[in-house]
Amino acid sequence: MRTLVAGVGNVFLGDDGFGVAVARRLAATGVPDGVEVGDFGIRGIHLAYELTSGYDLTILVDAIPAGRAPGTLSVLEPTLPEAAPAFVDAHAMTPDAVLTLASGLDLPRGGRVLLVGCEPADVTPGMDLSPPVAAAVPEAAGLVLELIAQEFAEEFAQEFPEVTEEEERRW
Protein backbone atom coordinates (compact mmCIF):
# COMPACT_ATOMS: atom_id res chain seq x y z
CA MET A 1 0.00 0.00 0.00
CA ARG A 2 1.41 3.39 -1.01
CA THR A 3 0.86 6.11 1.54
CA LEU A 4 1.68 9.81 1.49
CA VAL A 5 1.88 11.89 4.66
CA ALA A 6 1.89 15.55 3.62
CA GLY A 7 2.74 18.26 6.12
CA VAL A 8 1.29 21.57 4.98
CA GLY A 9 1.33 25.09 6.33
CA ASN A 10 3.37 28.26 6.51
CA VAL A 11 6.30 28.00 8.95
CA PHE A 12 6.52 31.81 9.03
CA LEU A 13 3.05 32.10 10.61
CA GLY A 14 3.51 30.46 14.00
CA ASP A 15 1.13 27.56 14.52
CA ASP A 16 0.34 27.38 10.81
CA GLY A 17 3.64 25.48 10.59
CA PHE A 18 2.16 22.58 12.60
CA GLY A 19 1.86 20.20 9.61
CA VAL A 20 5.45 20.85 8.59
CA ALA A 21 6.64 20.17 12.15
CA VAL A 22 4.81 16.83 12.22
CA ALA A 23 6.21 15.84 8.80
CA ARG A 24 9.73 16.68 9.96
CA ARG A 25 9.29 14.64 13.14
CA LEU A 26 8.00 11.62 11.19
CA ALA A 27 10.85 11.90 8.68
CA ALA A 28 13.36 11.98 11.54
CA THR A 29 11.87 9.09 13.53
CA GLY A 30 11.02 6.85 10.57
CA VAL A 31 7.87 5.43 9.04
CA PRO A 32 6.85 1.98 7.75
CA ASP A 33 7.86 0.78 4.30
CA GLY A 34 5.60 2.13 1.58
CA VAL A 35 5.04 5.42 3.42
CA GLU A 36 6.42 8.67 2.01
CA VAL A 37 6.57 11.78 4.17
CA GLY A 38 6.66 15.18 2.50
CA ASP A 39 7.09 18.71 3.80
CA PHE A 40 4.87 20.53 1.31
CA GLY A 41 4.69 23.75 3.30
CA ILE A 42 2.84 26.28 1.15
CA ARG A 43 3.44 24.46 -2.16
CA GLY A 44 -0.19 23.51 -2.67
CA ILE A 45 0.05 23.10 -6.43
CA HIS A 46 2.94 20.67 -6.03
CA LEU A 47 0.86 18.73 -3.49
CA ALA A 48 -2.16 18.69 -5.83
CA TYR A 49 -0.07 17.04 -8.54
CA GLU A 50 1.46 14.63 -6.00
CA LEU A 51 -2.05 13.53 -5.00
CA THR A 52 -2.53 12.16 -8.52
CA SER A 53 0.44 9.76 -8.13
CA GLY A 54 -1.67 6.76 -7.17
CA TYR A 55 -1.40 6.72 -3.38
CA ASP A 56 -3.78 4.34 -1.66
CA LEU A 57 -3.87 6.58 1.41
CA THR A 58 -2.98 10.24 1.82
CA ILE A 59 -2.82 11.90 5.21
CA LEU A 60 -2.69 15.69 5.15
CA VAL A 61 -1.45 17.30 8.37
CA ASP A 62 -2.31 20.96 8.97
CA ALA A 63 -3.41 23.57 11.48
CA ILE A 64 -7.21 23.66 11.29
CA PRO A 65 -9.05 26.37 13.23
CA ALA A 66 -12.31 24.93 14.50
CA GLY A 67 -12.95 26.88 17.69
CA ARG A 68 -11.52 24.25 20.05
CA ALA A 69 -8.81 24.51 22.68
CA PRO A 70 -5.36 25.16 21.14
CA GLY A 71 -3.49 21.92 20.56
CA THR A 72 -6.66 19.84 20.14
CA LEU A 73 -6.21 17.21 17.43
CA SER A 74 -8.90 15.97 15.08
CA VAL A 75 -9.14 13.53 12.18
CA LEU A 76 -11.41 14.32 9.25
CA GLU A 77 -12.13 12.52 6.01
CA PRO A 78 -12.80 15.31 3.54
CA THR A 79 -15.20 14.75 0.68
CA LEU A 80 -13.35 14.82 -2.61
CA PRO A 81 -14.99 17.14 -5.13
CA GLU A 82 -16.15 15.70 -8.44
CA ALA A 83 -14.86 18.61 -10.51
CA ALA A 84 -12.64 21.62 -9.98
CA PRO A 85 -13.89 25.17 -10.44
CA ALA A 86 -12.56 27.16 -13.39
CA PHE A 87 -10.25 29.16 -11.08
CA VAL A 88 -8.21 28.09 -8.05
CA ASP A 89 -6.25 30.80 -6.22
CA ALA A 90 -2.65 29.58 -6.00
CA HIS A 91 -2.09 31.93 -3.06
CA ALA A 92 -4.83 30.38 -0.96
CA MET A 93 -4.09 26.69 -1.20
CA THR A 94 -5.94 25.32 1.82
CA PRO A 95 -6.34 21.53 1.98
CA ASP A 96 -9.82 21.95 0.43
CA ALA A 97 -8.36 23.99 -2.44
CA VAL A 98 -5.59 21.41 -2.99
CA LEU A 99 -8.13 18.58 -3.15
CA THR A 100 -10.32 20.60 -5.51
CA LEU A 101 -7.39 21.31 -7.82
CA ALA A 102 -6.25 17.68 -7.76
CA SER A 103 -9.75 16.53 -8.67
CA GLY A 104 -9.76 18.81 -11.71
CA LEU A 105 -6.50 17.53 -13.14
CA ASP A 106 -6.94 15.04 -15.94
CA LEU A 107 -4.84 12.49 -14.06
CA PRO A 108 -5.66 9.40 -12.02
CA ARG A 109 -6.99 10.02 -8.53
CA GLY A 110 -5.56 8.41 -5.46
CA GLY A 111 -7.42 6.54 -2.77
CA ARG A 112 -8.58 7.57 0.67
CA VAL A 113 -7.66 11.01 2.05
CA LEU A 114 -7.55 11.85 5.75
CA LEU A 115 -6.80 15.16 7.40
CA VAL A 116 -5.09 15.32 10.80
CA GLY A 117 -5.73 18.81 12.12
CA CYS A 118 -4.57 20.74 15.14
CA GLU A 119 -6.31 23.75 16.63
CA PRO A 120 -3.86 26.67 16.40
CA ALA A 121 -3.37 29.26 19.13
CA ASP A 122 -1.39 31.87 17.20
CA VAL A 123 -0.90 32.30 13.46
CA THR A 124 0.74 35.72 13.56
CA PRO A 125 4.16 36.17 11.95
CA GLY A 126 6.82 34.16 13.75
CA MET A 127 8.59 30.84 13.37
CA ASP A 128 7.80 29.20 16.71
CA LEU A 129 4.82 27.01 17.50
CA SER A 130 2.82 28.02 20.58
CA PRO A 131 3.35 25.74 23.61
CA PRO A 132 0.05 23.80 23.24
CA VAL A 133 0.59 23.23 19.51
CA ALA A 134 4.26 22.27 19.99
CA ALA A 135 3.13 19.76 22.63
CA ALA A 136 0.66 18.27 20.13
CA VAL A 137 3.36 17.51 17.51
CA PRO A 138 4.54 14.17 18.99
CA GLU A 139 0.94 13.15 19.68
CA ALA A 140 -0.02 13.96 16.08
CA ALA A 141 2.95 11.99 14.73
CA GLY A 142 1.79 9.01 16.77
CA LEU A 143 -1.78 9.49 15.54
CA VAL A 144 -0.58 9.48 11.92
CA LEU A 145 1.29 6.21 12.50
CA GLU A 146 -1.79 4.75 14.18
CA LEU A 147 -3.99 5.72 11.21
CA ILE A 148 -1.50 4.08 8.83
CA ALA A 149 -1.43 0.91 10.96
CA GLN A 150 -5.24 0.79 10.95
CA GLU A 151 -5.30 1.16 7.18
CA PHE A 152 -2.69 -1.57 6.73
CA ALA A 153 -4.63 -3.81 9.14
CA GLU A 154 -7.77 -3.38 7.04
CA GLU A 155 -5.86 -4.26 3.88
CA PHE A 156 -4.17 -7.23 5.57
CA ALA A 157 -7.53 -8.52 6.78
CA GLN A 158 -8.94 -8.29 3.24
CA GLU A 159 -5.97 -10.15 1.76
CA PHE A 160 -5.87 -12.74 4.53
CA PRO A 161 -9.36 -13.23 5.95
CA GLU A 162 -9.68 -14.81 9.37
CA VAL A 163 -9.79 -18.57 9.47
CA THR A 164 -13.16 -19.85 10.61
CA GLU A 165 -13.42 -22.49 13.35
CA GLU A 166 -14.61 -25.02 10.76
CA GLU A 167 -11.58 -24.41 8.54
CA GLU A 168 -9.29 -24.61 11.55
CA ARG A 169 -10.73 -28.04 12.49
CA ARG A 170 -9.89 -29.34 9.00
CA TRP A 171 -6.20 -28.75 9.65
C-alpha atoms as a PDB file:
ATOM      1  CA  MET A   1       0.000   0.000   0.000  1.00  0.00           C
ATOM      2  CA  ARG A   2       1.415   3.390  -1.013  1.00  0.00           C
ATOM      3  CA  THR A   3       0.861   6.110   1.544  1.00  0.00           C
ATOM      4  CA  LEU A   4       1.676   9.811   1.485  1.00  0.00           C
ATOM      5  CA  VAL A   5       1.883  11.890   4.656  1.00  0.00           C
ATOM      6  CA  ALA A   6       1.891  15.547   3.624  1.00  0.00           C
ATOM      7  CA  GLY A   7       2.742  18.263   6.121  1.00  0.00           C
ATOM      8  CA  VAL A   8       1.286  21.570   4.977  1.00  0.00           C
ATOM      9  CA  GLY A   9       1.326  25.087   6.334  1.00  0.00           C
ATOM     10  CA  ASN A  10       3.372  28.262   6.509  1.00  0.00           C
ATOM     11  CA  VAL A  11       6.303  27.998   8.946  1.00  0.00           C
ATOM     12  CA  PHE A  12       6.522  31.812   9.034  1.00  0.00           C
ATOM     13  CA  LEU A  13       3.051  32.103  10.610  1.00  0.00           C
ATOM     14  CA  GLY A  14       3.506  30.462  14.001  1.00  0.00           C
ATOM     15  CA  ASP A  15       1.130  27.565  14.525  1.00  0.00           C
ATOM     16  CA  ASP A  16       0.344  27.383  10.806  1.00  0.00           C
ATOM     17  CA  GLY A  17       3.643  25.475  10.586  1.00  0.00           C
ATOM     18  CA  PHE A  18       2.162  22.579  12.596  1.00  0.00           C
ATOM     19  CA  GLY A  19       1.861  20.196   9.612  1.00  0.00           C
ATOM     20  CA  VAL A  20       5.451  20.846   8.587  1.00  0.00           C
ATOM     21  CA  ALA A  21       6.644  20.167  12.155  1.00  0.00           C
ATOM     22  CA  VAL A  22       4.806  16.828  12.220  1.00  0.00           C
ATOM     23  CA  ALA A  23       6.212  15.841   8.803  1.00  0.00           C
ATOM     24  CA  ARG A  24       9.734  16.680   9.962  1.00  0.00           C
ATOM     25  CA  ARG A  25       9.286  14.637  13.138  1.00  0.00           C
ATOM     26  CA  LEU A  26       8.002  11.619  11.190  1.00  0.00           C
ATOM     27  CA  ALA A  27      10.850  11.903   8.681  1.00  0.00           C
ATOM     28  CA  ALA A  28      13.356  11.976  11.540  1.00  0.00           C
ATOM     29  CA  THR A  29      11.871   9.087  13.527  1.00  0.00           C
ATOM     30  CA  GLY A  30      11.023   6.850  10.575  1.00  0.00           C
ATOM     31  CA  VAL A  31       7.874   5.430   9.043  1.00  0.00           C
ATOM     32  CA  PRO A  32       6.852   1.977   7.749  1.00  0.00           C
ATOM     33  CA  ASP A  33       7.864   0.777   4.296  1.00  0.00           C
ATOM     34  CA  GLY A  34       5.597   2.128   1.578  1.00  0.00           C
ATOM     35  CA  VAL A  35       5.038   5.423   3.417  1.00  0.00           C
ATOM     36  CA  GLU A  36       6.421   8.669   2.009  1.00  0.00           C
ATOM     37  CA  VAL A  37       6.569  11.780   4.170  1.00  0.00           C
ATOM     38  CA  GLY A  38       6.657  15.179   2.501  1.00  0.00           C
ATOM     39  CA  ASP A  39       7.089  18.710   3.803  1.00  0.00           C
ATOM     40  CA  PHE A  40       4.872  20.526   1.312  1.00  0.00           C
ATOM     41  CA  GLY A  41       4.691  23.749   3.304  1.00  0.00           C
ATOM     42  CA  ILE A  42       2.845  26.278   1.150  1.00  0.00           C
ATOM     43  CA  ARG A  43       3.436  24.459  -2.159  1.00  0.00           C
ATOM     44  CA  GLY A  44      -0.187  23.507  -2.675  1.00  0.00           C
ATOM     45  CA  ILE A  45       0.046  23.105  -6.428  1.00  0.00           C
ATOM     46  CA  HIS A  46       2.938  20.667  -6.028  1.00  0.00           C
ATOM     47  CA  LEU A  47       0.856  18.728  -3.488  1.00  0.00           C
ATOM     48  CA  ALA A  48      -2.163  18.687  -5.830  1.00  0.00           C
ATOM     49  CA  TYR A  49      -0.068  17.037  -8.545  1.00  0.00           C
ATOM     50  CA  GLU A  50       1.460  14.626  -6.004  1.00  0.00           C
ATOM     51  CA  LEU A  51      -2.050  13.525  -5.004  1.00  0.00           C
ATOM     52  CA  THR A  52      -2.529  12.156  -8.516  1.00  0.00           C
ATOM     53  CA  SER A  53       0.438   9.763  -8.129  1.00  0.00           C
ATOM     54  CA  GLY A  54      -1.669   6.763  -7.169  1.00  0.00           C
ATOM     55  CA  TYR A  55      -1.403   6.724  -3.377  1.00  0.00           C
ATOM     56  CA  ASP A  56      -3.784   4.343  -1.657  1.00  0.00           C
ATOM     57  CA  LEU A  57      -3.875   6.576   1.411  1.00  0.00           C
ATOM     58  CA  THR A  58      -2.981  10.245   1.818  1.00  0.00           C
ATOM     59  CA  ILE A  59      -2.822  11.900   5.215  1.00  0.00           C
ATOM     60  CA  LEU A  60      -2.694  15.687   5.149  1.00  0.00           C
ATOM     61  CA  VAL A  61      -1.451  17.301   8.373  1.00  0.00           C
ATOM     62  CA  ASP A  62      -2.306  20.956   8.970  1.00  0.00           C
ATOM     63  CA  ALA A  63      -3.414  23.573  11.475  1.00  0.00           C
ATOM     64  CA  ILE A  64      -7.207  23.661  11.294  1.00  0.00           C
ATOM     65  CA  PRO A  65      -9.052  26.372  13.233  1.00  0.00           C
ATOM     66  CA  ALA A  66     -12.313  24.926  14.496  1.00  0.00           C
ATOM     67  CA  GLY A  67     -12.948  26.880  17.686  1.00  0.00           C
ATOM     68  CA  ARG A  68     -11.518  24.252  20.045  1.00  0.00           C
ATOM     69  CA  ALA A  69      -8.809  24.514  22.681  1.00  0.00           C
ATOM     70  CA  PRO A  70      -5.364  25.162  21.140  1.00  0.00           C
ATOM     71  CA  GLY A  71      -3.489  21.915  20.558  1.00  0.00           C
ATOM     72  CA  THR A  72      -6.662  19.836  20.135  1.00  0.00           C
ATOM     73  CA  LEU A  73      -6.208  17.206  17.426  1.00  0.00           C
ATOM     74  CA  SER A  74      -8.902  15.969  15.078  1.00  0.00           C
ATOM     75  CA  VAL A  75      -9.142  13.530  12.181  1.00  0.00           C
ATOM     76  CA  LEU A  76     -11.413  14.325   9.254  1.00  0.00           C
ATOM     77  CA  GLU A  77     -12.126  12.520   6.014  1.00  0.00           C
ATOM     78  CA  PRO A  78     -12.804  15.314   3.539  1.00  0.00           C
ATOM     79  CA  THR A  79     -15.195  14.753   0.675  1.00  0.00           C
ATOM     80  CA  LEU A  80     -13.345  14.819  -2.608  1.00  0.00           C
ATOM     81  CA  PRO A  81     -14.994  17.141  -5.131  1.00  0.00           C
ATOM     82  CA  GLU A  82     -16.147  15.702  -8.440  1.00  0.00           C
ATOM     83  CA  ALA A  83     -14.861  18.608 -10.506  1.00  0.00           C
ATOM     84  CA  ALA A  84     -12.638  21.622  -9.979  1.00  0.00           C
ATOM     85  CA  PRO A  85     -13.892  25.168 -10.443  1.00  0.00           C
ATOM     86  CA  ALA A  86     -12.560  27.162 -13.388  1.00  0.00           C
ATOM     87  CA  PHE A  87     -10.255  29.156 -11.078  1.00  0.00           C
ATOM     88  CA  VAL A  88      -8.212  28.092  -8.051  1.00  0.00           C
ATOM     89  CA  ASP A  89      -6.251  30.798  -6.215  1.00  0.00           C
ATOM     90  CA  ALA A  90      -2.646  29.575  -5.998  1.00  0.00           C
ATOM     91  CA  HIS A  91      -2.086  31.931  -3.065  1.00  0.00           C
ATOM     92  CA  ALA A  92      -4.835  30.383  -0.958  1.00  0.00           C
ATOM     93  CA  MET A  93      -4.092  26.685  -1.200  1.00  0.00           C
ATOM     94  CA  THR A  94      -5.936  25.321   1.818  1.00  0.00           C
ATOM     95  CA  PRO A  95      -6.345  21.527   1.984  1.00  0.00           C
ATOM     96  CA  ASP A  96      -9.815  21.953   0.435  1.00  0.00           C
ATOM     97  CA  ALA A  97      -8.358  23.987  -2.442  1.00  0.00           C
ATOM     98  CA  VAL A  98      -5.595  21.412  -2.993  1.00  0.00           C
ATOM     99  CA  LEU A  99      -8.129  18.578  -3.150  1.00  0.00           C
ATOM    100  CA  THR A 100     -10.315  20.603  -5.507  1.00  0.00           C
ATOM    101  CA  LEU A 101      -7.392  21.310  -7.817  1.00  0.00           C
ATOM    102  CA  ALA A 102      -6.247  17.680  -7.756  1.00  0.00           C
ATOM    103  CA  SER A 103      -9.751  16.528  -8.666  1.00  0.00           C
ATOM    104  CA  GLY A 104      -9.763  18.806 -11.709  1.00  0.00           C
ATOM    105  CA  LEU A 105      -6.497  17.525 -13.144  1.00  0.00           C
ATOM    106  CA  ASP A 106      -6.939  15.038 -15.939  1.00  0.00           C
ATOM    107  CA  LEU A 107      -4.835  12.492 -14.064  1.00  0.00           C
ATOM    108  CA  PRO A 108      -5.665   9.397 -12.017  1.00  0.00           C
ATOM    109  CA  ARG A 109      -6.994  10.021  -8.532  1.00  0.00           C
ATOM    110  CA  GLY A 110      -5.558   8.415  -5.463  1.00  0.00           C
ATOM    111  CA  GLY A 111      -7.422   6.539  -2.774  1.00  0.00           C
ATOM    112  CA  ARG A 112      -8.578   7.571   0.672  1.00  0.00           C
ATOM    113  CA  VAL A 113      -7.664  11.009   2.050  1.00  0.00           C
ATOM    114  CA  LEU A 114      -7.551  11.852   5.747  1.00  0.00           C
ATOM    115  CA  LEU A 115      -6.797  15.164   7.404  1.00  0.00           C
ATOM    116  CA  VAL A 116      -5.087  15.323  10.802  1.00  0.00           C
ATOM    117  CA  GLY A 117      -5.731  18.805  12.123  1.00  0.00           C
ATOM    118  CA  CYS A 118      -4.571  20.739  15.141  1.00  0.00           C
ATOM    119  CA  GLU A 119      -6.315  23.755  16.634  1.00  0.00           C
ATOM    120  CA  PRO A 120      -3.862  26.674  16.398  1.00  0.00           C
ATOM    121  CA  ALA A 121      -3.370  29.256  19.131  1.00  0.00           C
ATOM    122  CA  ASP A 122      -1.393  31.867  17.200  1.00  0.00           C
ATOM    123  CA  VAL A 123      -0.898  32.304  13.457  1.00  0.00           C
ATOM    124  CA  THR A 124       0.736  35.722  13.564  1.00  0.00           C
ATOM    125  CA  PRO A 125       4.164  36.167  11.948  1.00  0.00           C
ATOM    126  CA  GLY A 126       6.816  34.157  13.753  1.00  0.00           C
ATOM    127  CA  MET A 127       8.594  30.841  13.368  1.00  0.00           C
ATOM    128  CA  ASP A 128       7.796  29.196  16.710  1.00  0.00           C
ATOM    129  CA  LEU A 129       4.819  27.015  17.504  1.00  0.00           C
ATOM    130  CA  SER A 130       2.821  28.022  20.577  1.00  0.00           C
ATOM    131  CA  PRO A 131       3.346  25.742  23.609  1.00  0.00           C
ATOM    132  CA  PRO A 132       0.047  23.799  23.242  1.00  0.00           C
ATOM    133  CA  VAL A 133       0.595  23.227  19.512  1.00  0.00           C
ATOM    134  CA  ALA A 134       4.260  22.266  19.991  1.00  0.00           C
ATOM    135  CA  ALA A 135       3.135  19.762  22.626  1.00  0.00           C
ATOM    136  CA  ALA A 136       0.661  18.273  20.131  1.00  0.00           C
ATOM    137  CA  VAL A 137       3.362  17.507  17.505  1.00  0.00           C
ATOM    138  CA  PRO A 138       4.542  14.166  18.991  1.00  0.00           C
ATOM    139  CA  GLU A 139       0.940  13.151  19.677  1.00  0.00           C
ATOM    140  CA  ALA A 140      -0.021  13.963  16.075  1.00  0.00           C
ATOM    141  CA  ALA A 141       2.946  11.992  14.726  1.00  0.00           C
ATOM    142  CA  GLY A 142       1.787   9.007  16.769  1.00  0.00           C
ATOM    143  CA  LEU A 143      -1.776   9.489  15.543  1.00  0.00           C
ATOM    144  CA  VAL A 144      -0.584   9.483  11.920  1.00  0.00           C
ATOM    145  CA  LEU A 145       1.291   6.214  12.497  1.00  0.00           C
ATOM    146  CA  GLU A 146      -1.790   4.753  14.183  1.00  0.00           C
ATOM    147  CA  LEU A 147      -3.987   5.717  11.206  1.00  0.00           C
ATOM    148  CA  ILE A 148      -1.502   4.084   8.830  1.00  0.00           C
ATOM    149  CA  ALA A 149      -1.428   0.914  10.958  1.00  0.00           C
ATOM    150  CA  GLN A 150      -5.238   0.788  10.954  1.00  0.00           C
ATOM    151  CA  GLU A 151      -5.303   1.163   7.181  1.00  0.00           C
ATOM    152  CA  PHE A 152      -2.686  -1.571   6.729  1.00  0.00           C
ATOM    153  CA  ALA A 153      -4.627  -3.807   9.143  1.00  0.00           C
ATOM    154  CA  GLU A 154      -7.773  -3.382   7.042  1.00  0.00           C
ATOM    155  CA  GLU A 155      -5.856  -4.265   3.879  1.00  0.00           C
ATOM    156  CA  PHE A 156      -4.167  -7.229   5.566  1.00  0.00           C
ATOM    157  CA  ALA A 157      -7.534  -8.515   6.777  1.00  0.00           C
ATOM    158  CA  GLN A 158      -8.941  -8.290   3.237  1.00  0.00           C
ATOM    159  CA  GLU A 159      -5.969 -10.151   1.755  1.00  0.00           C
ATOM    160  CA  PHE A 160      -5.873 -12.738   4.530  1.00  0.00           C
ATOM    161  CA  PRO A 161      -9.364 -13.226   5.949  1.00  0.00           C
ATOM    162  CA  GLU A 162      -9.676 -14.810   9.365  1.00  0.00           C
ATOM    163  CA  VAL A 163      -9.794 -18.571   9.471  1.00  0.00           C
ATOM    164  CA  THR A 164     -13.165 -19.851  10.607  1.00  0.00           C
ATOM    165  CA  GLU A 165     -13.416 -22.487  13.349  1.00  0.00           C
ATOM    166  CA  GLU A 166     -14.610 -25.016  10.760  1.00  0.00           C
ATOM    167  CA  GLU A 167     -11.577 -24.408   8.542  1.00  0.00           C
ATOM    168  CA  GLU A 168      -9.288 -24.611  11.554  1.00  0.00           C
ATOM    169  CA  ARG A 169     -10.726 -28.036  12.488  1.00  0.00           C
ATOM    170  CA  ARG A 170      -9.893 -29.343   9.000  1.00  0.00           C
ATOM    171  CA  TRP A 171      -6.198 -28.752   9.651  1.00  0.00           C
END
